């Protein structure tokens, strides 16, 4: 029975791997061909596109903006999401399940609907600006549309549900007895949270951060709609290169650089996390 069930699972796994490898191989192979115009590519392989992207200030600025916006959004998402996940993990009432269900359902709402909701809320005539103007906090409307700050807000809104769900599972693994023991020895709630809960949950928080960061790096809709055409990230640049310039080789190169950038940043994050954990063991 177990063998049959294993074979049943192997088939979709194999199909998924084939599709994943095939799709990645297509754009990686196309990235090695120079564009000849009108969608045509040179038959011979070359590093022309890579040299151009890595030496052109325009492409480097877009890469830096993509990493910066994704990093800021990931940090803020974790800062906001972890306390929510921790509180939900410690709630004993039935409202915890209701709130978790609400968060779960919100993650399945299409990103286009979410982003258009943000556009309405943060528009110059939206409720946020009317509230700020009515309270006298600002003298003129704040326009987040078409700014990096607006893209960050959109990315946070897109990923906050996933972050809470990931870190909720981590927070649930922390025994209540650990917190109670720290409180018995005179630690305040704030000190327990900062010195006990956070260090224990750090590996899970790091995984949540990398997951959110990866989602932000590849997010197209948030940057395209909230960026208003003025905030250019790598996913938006890939779309423009394909649709407007019809340069499939260059689009493949930009996609490859996006992929390699994410891989390198993830490897660096894993390395830092391992060094941190080894350091804590030595100190202990």
Protein backbone atom coordinates (compact mmCIF):
# COMPACT_ATOMS: atom_id res chain seq x y z
CA UNK A 1 0.00 0.00 0.00
CA UNK A 2 2.80 2.40 0.90
CA UNK A 3 4.60 1.57 -2.36
CA UNK A 4 1.48 2.34 -4.41
CA UNK A 5 0.95 5.61 -2.58
CA UNK A 6 4.59 6.57 -3.13
CA UNK A 7 4.28 5.87 -6.85
CA UNK A 8 1.12 7.97 -6.93
CA UNK A 9 3.06 10.92 -5.49
CA UNK A 10 6.13 10.42 -7.67
CA UNK A 11 4.24 11.09 -10.91
CA UNK A 12 3.09 14.67 -10.14
CA UNK A 13 6.49 15.39 -8.59
CA UNK A 14 8.25 14.26 -11.76
CA UNK A 15 5.90 16.29 -13.97
CA UNK A 16 6.44 19.39 -11.82
CA UNK A 17 10.22 19.00 -11.97
CA UNK A 18 10.15 18.55 -15.75
CA UNK A 19 8.02 21.67 -16.22
CA UNK A 20 10.20 23.66 -13.82
CA UNK A 21 13.47 22.62 -15.47
CA UNK A 22 12.06 23.09 -18.97
CA UNK A 23 10.77 26.61 -18.30
CA UNK A 24 14.01 27.71 -16.64
CA UNK A 25 16.11 26.14 -19.39
CA UNK A 26 14.25 28.04 -22.12
CA UNK A 27 15.01 31.53 -20.84
CA UNK A 28 18.51 30.58 -19.67
CA UNK A 29 19.31 29.32 -23.16
CA UNK A 30 17.75 32.38 -24.83
CA UNK A 31 19.85 34.66 -22.62
CA UNK A 32 22.96 33.46 -24.47
CA UNK A 33 21.75 34.77 -27.84
CA UNK A 34 22.20 38.38 -28.99
CA UNK A 35 19.09 40.10 -30.37
CA UNK A 36 18.99 40.94 -34.07
CA UNK A 37 15.73 42.88 -33.96
CA UNK A 38 12.05 42.09 -34.59
CA UNK A 39 12.20 39.09 -32.26
CA UNK A 40 15.07 37.40 -34.07
CA UNK A 41 18.11 36.11 -32.17
CA UNK A 42 21.61 35.26 -33.34
CA UNK A 43 22.14 31.49 -33.66
CA UNK A 44 25.52 31.47 -31.90
CA UNK A 45 25.91 31.70 -28.15
CA UNK A 46 27.52 34.82 -26.70
CA UNK A 47 27.80 36.76 -23.44
CA UNK A 48 26.93 40.04 -25.15
CA UNK A 49 23.68 40.53 -23.23
CA UNK A 50 25.27 39.73 -19.86
CA UNK A 51 28.15 42.13 -20.49
CA UNK A 52 25.75 44.88 -21.43
CA UNK A 53 23.47 44.40 -18.43
CA UNK A 54 26.33 44.17 -15.92
CA UNK A 55 28.14 47.23 -17.30
CA UNK A 56 25.19 49.52 -18.04
CA UNK A 57 24.24 51.93 -15.25
CA UNK A 58 20.57 51.75 -16.23
CA UNK A 59 20.27 48.01 -15.66
CA UNK A 60 22.36 48.17 -12.49
CA UNK A 61 20.09 50.89 -11.07
CA UNK A 62 17.02 48.78 -11.83
CA UNK A 63 18.64 45.76 -10.15
CA UNK A 64 19.55 47.82 -7.08
CA UNK A 65 16.05 49.33 -6.86
CA UNK A 66 14.49 45.86 -7.09
CA UNK A 67 16.70 44.49 -4.31
CA UNK A 68 16.21 47.59 -2.13
CA UNK A 69 12.42 47.70 -2.47
CA UNK A 70 12.14 43.94 -1.91
CA UNK A 71 14.44 44.05 1.12
CA UNK A 72 12.59 46.94 2.76
CA UNK A 73 9.22 45.32 2.10
CA UNK A 74 10.44 41.97 3.49
CA UNK A 75 11.84 43.56 6.66
CA UNK A 76 8.68 45.58 7.33
CA UNK A 77 6.49 42.56 6.60
CA UNK A 78 8.37 40.46 9.15
CA UNK A 79 8.34 43.29 11.72
CA UNK A 80 4.57 43.63 11.36
CA UNK A 81 3.78 39.97 10.77
CA UNK A 82 5.68 38.23 13.56
CA UNK A 83 3.91 39.96 16.49
CA UNK A 84 0.58 39.14 14.82
CA UNK A 85 1.60 35.51 14.38
CA UNK A 86 2.84 35.31 17.97
CA UNK A 87 -0.36 36.77 19.42
CA UNK A 88 -2.48 34.39 17.34
CA UNK A 89 -0.34 31.44 18.45
CA UNK A 90 -0.92 32.35 22.11
CA UNK A 91 -4.65 33.06 21.84
CA UNK A 92 -6.82 30.40 23.47
CA UNK A 93 -10.23 31.63 22.37
CA UNK A 94 -12.10 30.52 19.27
CA UNK A 95 -11.41 33.93 17.72
CA UNK A 96 -7.89 32.73 16.96
CA UNK A 97 -9.28 30.21 14.48
CA UNK A 98 -11.60 32.82 12.98
CA UNK A 99 -8.75 35.29 12.52
CA UNK A 100 -6.49 32.62 11.03
CA UNK A 101 -9.25 31.66 8.60
CA UNK A 102 -9.59 35.30 7.59
CA UNK A 103 -5.85 35.59 6.97
CA UNK A 104 -5.86 32.33 5.02
CA UNK A 105 -8.75 33.43 2.82
CA UNK A 106 -7.16 36.83 2.18
CA UNK A 107 -4.05 35.17 0.77
CA UNK A 108 -6.19 33.60 -1.98
CA UNK A 109 -7.65 36.92 -3.12
CA UNK A 110 -6.13 37.82 -6.48
CA UNK A 111 -3.35 40.37 -6.28
CA UNK A 112 -5.02 42.62 -8.88
CA UNK A 113 -8.03 43.14 -6.62
CA UNK A 114 -5.75 43.85 -3.66
CA UNK A 115 -3.69 46.39 -5.56
CA UNK A 116 -6.71 48.21 -6.98
CA UNK A 117 -8.05 48.43 -3.45
CA UNK A 118 -4.81 50.09 -2.35
CA UNK A 119 -4.98 52.50 -5.29
CA UNK A 120 -8.44 53.60 -4.19
CA UNK A 121 -7.38 53.91 -0.54
CA UNK A 122 -4.16 55.86 -1.17
CA UNK A 123 -5.39 57.95 -4.08
CA UNK A 124 -5.20 61.73 -3.77
CA UNK A 125 -8.96 61.76 -3.10
CA UNK A 126 -8.91 58.51 -1.12
CA UNK A 127 -9.93 58.02 2.52
CA UNK A 128 -6.35 58.10 3.85
CA UNK A 129 -5.61 61.51 2.37
CA UNK A 130 -9.01 62.87 3.41
CA UNK A 131 -8.36 61.72 6.97
CA UNK A 132 -4.86 63.24 7.05
CA UNK A 133 -6.04 66.52 5.54
CA UNK A 134 -9.04 66.70 7.87
CA UNK A 135 -6.82 66.12 10.91
CA UNK A 136 -4.40 68.80 9.75
CA UNK A 137 -1.48 66.35 9.69
CA UNK A 138 -0.58 67.22 6.09
CA UNK A 139 -1.15 70.38 4.07
CA UNK A 140 -1.59 68.64 0.73
CA UNK A 141 -2.46 65.10 -0.38
CA UNK A 142 0.28 62.47 -0.19
CA UNK A 143 0.59 60.55 -3.42
CA UNK A 144 2.08 57.08 -2.98
CA UNK A 145 1.19 55.97 -6.49
CA UNK A 146 4.24 56.02 -8.73
CA UNK A 147 6.74 56.03 -5.86
CA UNK A 148 8.98 53.32 -4.36
CA UNK A 149 7.12 53.76 -1.06
CA UNK A 150 3.86 52.85 -2.78
CA UNK A 151 5.46 49.74 -4.27
CA UNK A 152 6.73 48.74 -0.80
CA UNK A 153 3.21 49.08 0.63
CA UNK A 154 1.86 46.95 -2.20
CA UNK A 155 4.47 44.26 -1.68
CA UNK A 156 3.74 44.19 2.05
CA UNK A 157 0.03 43.86 1.39
CA UNK A 158 0.76 41.04 -1.06
CA UNK A 159 3.00 39.02 1.29
CA UNK A 160 1.79 39.76 4.83
CA UNK A 161 -0.66 36.84 4.86
CA UNK A 162 1.98 34.33 3.79
CA UNK A 163 4.41 35.70 6.38
CA UNK A 164 1.90 35.43 9.23
CA UNK A 165 0.99 31.85 8.29
CA UNK A 166 4.65 30.81 8.12
CA UNK A 167 5.63 32.42 11.42
CA UNK A 168 2.44 31.27 13.16
CA UNK A 169 3.61 27.69 12.70
CA UNK A 170 7.00 28.65 14.16
CA UNK A 171 5.53 30.49 17.16
CA UNK A 172 3.33 27.48 17.96
CA UNK A 173 6.44 25.35 18.52
CA UNK A 174 7.62 27.50 21.45
CA UNK A 175 6.42 25.87 24.70
CA UNK A 176 4.50 28.11 27.07
CA UNK A 177 6.59 26.67 29.89
CA UNK A 178 9.66 28.48 28.52
CA UNK A 179 7.93 31.84 28.83
CA UNK A 180 6.53 30.98 32.25
CA UNK A 181 9.98 29.95 33.50
CA UNK A 182 11.47 33.27 32.37
CA UNK A 183 8.66 35.23 34.02
CA UNK A 184 9.10 33.29 37.28
CA UNK A 185 12.72 34.43 37.34
CA UNK A 186 11.62 38.06 37.13
CA UNK A 187 11.77 38.78 33.40
CA UNK A 188 9.23 41.26 32.07
CA UNK A 189 6.96 40.42 29.12
CA UNK A 190 9.04 42.66 26.87
CA UNK A 191 12.27 41.01 27.98
CA UNK A 192 10.79 37.53 27.53
CA UNK A 193 9.75 38.42 23.99
CA UNK A 194 13.10 39.95 23.01
CA UNK A 195 15.47 37.60 24.85
CA UNK A 196 13.59 34.30 24.77
CA UNK A 197 10.94 34.16 22.05
CA UNK A 198 12.83 35.94 19.27
CA UNK A 199 16.05 33.88 19.55
CA UNK A 200 14.08 30.62 19.57
CA UNK A 201 12.00 31.67 16.56
CA UNK A 202 14.90 33.25 14.67
CA UNK A 203 15.43 30.35 12.19
CA UNK A 204 11.73 30.41 11.31
CA UNK A 205 11.76 34.20 11.04
CA UNK A 206 14.76 33.99 8.71
CA UNK A 207 12.95 31.47 6.51
CA UNK A 208 9.91 33.74 6.49
CA UNK A 209 12.07 36.72 5.53
CA UNK A 210 13.72 34.87 2.64
CA UNK A 211 10.35 33.58 1.43
CA UNK A 212 8.83 37.06 1.48
CA UNK A 213 11.94 38.56 -0.12
CA UNK A 214 11.81 36.01 -2.95
CA UNK A 215 8.14 36.76 -3.56
CA UNK A 216 8.85 40.50 -3.64
CA UNK A 217 11.77 40.11 -6.06
CA UNK A 218 9.53 38.36 -8.57
CA UNK A 219 6.37 40.41 -7.98
CA UNK A 220 5.16 42.12 -11.15
CA UNK A 221 1.66 43.41 -10.47
CA UNK A 222 2.49 45.50 -7.39
CA UNK A 223 5.35 47.31 -9.14
CA UNK A 224 3.47 47.69 -12.42
CA UNK A 225 0.26 49.14 -10.94
CA UNK A 226 1.45 50.99 -7.85
CA UNK A 227 4.66 52.06 -9.61
CA UNK A 228 2.55 53.87 -12.16
CA UNK A 229 5.16 53.34 -14.85
CA UNK A 230 7.68 55.42 -12.92
CA UNK A 231 9.12 52.72 -10.62
CA UNK A 232 11.02 50.25 -12.78
CA UNK A 233 11.86 46.88 -11.22
CA UNK A 234 13.32 43.82 -12.95
CA UNK A 235 9.96 42.03 -13.48
CA UNK A 236 8.49 45.18 -15.03
CA UNK A 237 11.60 45.64 -17.17
CA UNK A 238 11.33 42.04 -18.40
CA UNK A 239 7.74 42.63 -19.46
CA UNK A 240 8.63 45.83 -21.31
CA UNK A 241 11.61 44.22 -23.00
CA UNK A 242 9.39 41.43 -24.35
CA UNK A 243 6.29 43.42 -25.32
CA UNK A 244 7.67 46.78 -26.41
CA UNK A 245 11.22 46.05 -27.57
CA UNK A 246 10.62 42.42 -28.66
CA UNK A 247 14.10 41.43 -27.45
CA UNK A 248 13.72 37.88 -26.20
CA UNK A 249 17.45 37.37 -25.66
CA UNK A 250 17.77 40.45 -23.45
CA UNK A 251 14.59 39.51 -21.57
CA UNK A 252 16.09 36.08 -20.93
CA UNK A 253 19.29 37.69 -19.67
CA UNK A 254 17.44 39.97 -17.26
CA UNK A 255 15.41 36.98 -16.05
CA UNK A 256 18.60 34.98 -15.50
CA UNK A 257 20.20 37.82 -13.55
CA UNK A 258 17.06 38.10 -11.42
CA UNK A 259 17.21 34.35 -10.74
CA UNK A 260 20.93 34.36 -9.91
CA UNK A 261 20.53 37.44 -7.68
CA UNK A 262 17.82 35.72 -5.66
CA UNK A 263 19.92 32.55 -5.36
CA UNK A 264 23.01 34.45 -4.21
CA UNK A 265 21.10 36.51 -1.66
CA UNK A 266 19.43 33.37 -0.30
CA UNK A 267 22.76 31.56 -0.03
CA UNK A 268 24.23 34.56 1.79
CA UNK A 269 21.26 34.66 4.17
CA UNK A 270 21.60 30.94 4.93
CA UNK A 271 25.34 31.40 5.53
CA UNK A 272 24.76 34.29 7.95
CA UNK A 273 22.07 32.33 9.80
CA UNK A 274 24.33 29.29 10.18
CA UNK A 275 27.19 31.44 11.48
CA UNK A 276 24.82 33.07 13.96
CA UNK A 277 23.58 29.71 15.24
CA UNK A 278 27.14 28.35 15.52
CA UNK A 279 28.15 31.48 17.43
CA UNK A 280 25.26 31.05 19.87
CA UNK A 281 26.26 27.43 20.49
CA UNK A 282 29.85 28.45 21.22
CA UNK A 283 28.71 31.14 23.66
CA UNK A 284 26.33 28.70 25.32
